Amino acid sequence: MFYQSKILVWYQVASQKVVLGEAFSDDEHNVVSLWHQAPQESYNGHDTGFRLSLFDDDGREVADKAVSMVTADEFLSHIVKASA
């Protein structure tokens, strides 16, 4: 079965979104679970620009959170391992 739920890992540069990677739900990986495991970063108004966006099965963005560069990198590493 093909699931359309996904998470985009992206970086904000001015008003542009630079997509760094994406993960889709499948029989082995649930992106909603991955979403909940990723910590939201708080920088007292100093956003690093790295973000995760959660999309539902209909392709609508349902959530977005700021993450650190380390969290984004770890998440991207997980995506590479999951797709290999």
C-alpha atoms as a PDB file:
ATOM      1  CA  MET A   1       0.000   0.000   0.000  1.00  0.00           C
ATOM      2  CA  PHE A   2       1.300   3.490  -0.839  1.00  0.00           C
ATOM      3  CA  TYR A   3       1.063   6.048   1.914  1.00  0.00           C
ATOM      4  CA  GLN A   4       1.261   9.731   1.115  1.00  0.00           C
ATOM      5  CA  SER A   5       2.033  10.995   4.634  1.00  0.00           C
ATOM      6  CA  LYS A   6       5.465  12.557   4.618  1.00  0.00           C
ATOM      7  CA  ILE A   7       7.893  14.810   6.449  1.00  0.00           C
ATOM      8  CA  LEU A   8       9.975  17.403   4.636  1.00  0.00           C
ATOM      9  CA  VAL A   9      13.292  18.481   6.113  1.00  0.00           C
ATOM     10  CA  TRP A  10      14.008  21.978   4.871  1.00  0.00           C
ATOM     11  CA  TYR A  11      16.007  25.123   5.456  1.00  0.00           C
ATOM     12  CA  GLN A  12      14.666  28.675   5.275  1.00  0.00           C
ATOM     13  CA  VAL A  13      16.829  31.176   3.375  1.00  0.00           C
ATOM     14  CA  ALA A  14      15.140  34.587   3.314  1.00  0.00           C
ATOM     15  CA  SER A  15      11.695  33.771   1.896  1.00  0.00           C
ATOM     16  CA  GLN A  16      12.825  30.575   0.124  1.00  0.00           C
ATOM     17  CA  LYS A  17      12.400  26.954   1.232  1.00  0.00           C
ATOM     18  CA  VAL A  18      15.345  24.701   0.396  1.00  0.00           C
ATOM     19  CA  VAL A  19      14.211  21.076   0.697  1.00  0.00           C
ATOM     20  CA  LEU A  20      16.970  18.891   2.146  1.00  0.00           C
ATOM     21  CA  GLY A  21      15.095  15.579   2.194  1.00  0.00           C
ATOM     22  CA  GLU A  22      11.775  13.866   2.709  1.00  0.00           C
ATOM     23  CA  ALA A  23      10.468  10.725   4.319  1.00  0.00           C
ATOM     24  CA  PHE A  24       7.281   8.831   3.511  1.00  0.00           C
ATOM     25  CA  SER A  25       5.303   6.440   5.681  1.00  0.00           C
ATOM     26  CA  ASP A  26       5.482   2.809   4.681  1.00  0.00           C
ATOM     27  CA  ASP A  27       4.901  -0.585   6.281  1.00  0.00           C
ATOM     28  CA  GLU A  28       8.099  -0.282   8.359  1.00  0.00           C
ATOM     29  CA  HIS A  29       8.306   3.467   9.101  1.00  0.00           C
ATOM     30  CA  ASN A  30       5.638   5.768  10.446  1.00  0.00           C
ATOM     31  CA  VAL A  31       6.462   9.425   9.835  1.00  0.00           C
ATOM     32  CA  VAL A  32       4.000  10.587  12.503  1.00  0.00           C
ATOM     33  CA  SER A  33       6.011   8.635  15.071  1.00  0.00           C
ATOM     34  CA  LEU A  34       9.254  10.125  13.727  1.00  0.00           C
ATOM     35  CA  TRP A  35       7.639  13.568  13.889  1.00  0.00           C
ATOM     36  CA  HIS A  36       6.780  13.152  17.574  1.00  0.00           C
ATOM     37  CA  GLN A  37      10.306  11.931  18.388  1.00  0.00           C
ATOM     38  CA  ALA A  38      11.999  14.982  16.849  1.00  0.00           C
ATOM     39  CA  PRO A  39      12.495  17.703  19.476  1.00  0.00           C
ATOM     40  CA  GLN A  40      11.268  21.204  18.752  1.00  0.00           C
ATOM     41  CA  GLU A  41      14.032  23.693  19.344  1.00  0.00           C
ATOM     42  CA  SER A  42      13.608  26.916  21.260  1.00  0.00           C
ATOM     43  CA  TYR A  43      16.144  29.649  20.606  1.00  0.00           C
ATOM     44  CA  ASN A  44      14.458  32.645  22.238  1.00  0.00           C
ATOM     45  CA  GLY A  45      13.596  34.163  18.873  1.00  0.00           C
ATOM     46  CA  HIS A  46      16.817  33.107  17.127  1.00  0.00           C
ATOM     47  CA  ASP A  47      15.633  30.495  14.635  1.00  0.00           C
ATOM     48  CA  THR A  48      18.454  28.547  12.946  1.00  0.00           C
ATOM     49  CA  GLY A  49      16.371  28.089   9.788  1.00  0.00           C
ATOM     50  CA  PHE A  50      16.107  24.276   9.892  1.00  0.00           C
ATOM     51  CA  ARG A  51      12.524  22.997   9.983  1.00  0.00           C
ATOM     52  CA  LEU A  52      10.434  19.837   9.690  1.00  0.00           C
ATOM     53  CA  SER A  53       6.998  19.919   8.068  1.00  0.00           C
ATOM     54  CA  LEU A  54       4.477  17.102   8.470  1.00  0.00           C
ATOM     55  CA  PHE A  55       2.046  16.437   5.612  1.00  0.00           C
ATOM     56  CA  ASP A  56      -1.103  14.284   5.856  1.00  0.00           C
ATOM     57  CA  ASP A  57      -2.323  11.646   3.391  1.00  0.00           C
ATOM     58  CA  ASP A  58      -4.054  14.360   1.317  1.00  0.00           C
ATOM     59  CA  GLY A  59      -0.816  16.334   0.886  1.00  0.00           C
ATOM     60  CA  ARG A  60      -1.778  19.161   3.256  1.00  0.00           C
ATOM     61  CA  GLU A  61       0.827  20.559   5.632  1.00  0.00           C
ATOM     62  CA  VAL A  62      -0.571  19.873   9.100  1.00  0.00           C
ATOM     63  CA  ALA A  63       2.377  20.773  11.337  1.00  0.00           C
ATOM     64  CA  ASP A  64       5.714  22.534  11.250  1.00  0.00           C
ATOM     65  CA  LYS A  65       8.486  22.876  13.815  1.00  0.00           C
ATOM     66  CA  ALA A  66      11.880  24.484  14.126  1.00  0.00           C
ATOM     67  CA  VAL A  67      14.740  22.077  14.745  1.00  0.00           C
ATOM     68  CA  SER A  68      18.466  22.404  15.307  1.00  0.00           C
ATOM     69  CA  MET A  69      21.016  21.623  12.617  1.00  0.00           C
ATOM     70  CA  VAL A  70      21.972  18.511  14.619  1.00  0.00           C
ATOM     71  CA  THR A  71      18.352  17.285  14.707  1.00  0.00           C
ATOM     72  CA  ALA A  72      17.916  17.955  10.971  1.00  0.00           C
ATOM     73  CA  ASP A  73      21.158  16.100  10.230  1.00  0.00           C
ATOM     74  CA  GLU A  74      20.167  13.130  12.399  1.00  0.00           C
ATOM     75  CA  PHE A  75      16.754  13.020  10.746  1.00  0.00           C
ATOM     76  CA  LEU A  76      18.331  13.103   7.274  1.00  0.00           C
ATOM     77  CA  SER A  77      20.690  10.283   8.318  1.00  0.00           C
ATOM     78  CA  HIS A  78      17.655   8.244   9.407  1.00  0.00           C
ATOM     79  CA  ILE A  79      15.970   8.862   6.036  1.00  0.00           C
ATOM     80  CA  VAL A  80      19.069   7.629   4.175  1.00  0.00           C
ATOM     81  CA  LYS A  81      19.262   4.477   6.326  1.00  0.00           C
ATOM     82  CA  ALA A  82      15.526   3.820   5.908  1.00  0.00           C
ATOM     83  CA  SER A  83      15.690   4.105   2.108  1.00  0.00           C
ATOM     84  CA  ALA A  84      18.869   2.021   1.696  1.00  0.00           C
END
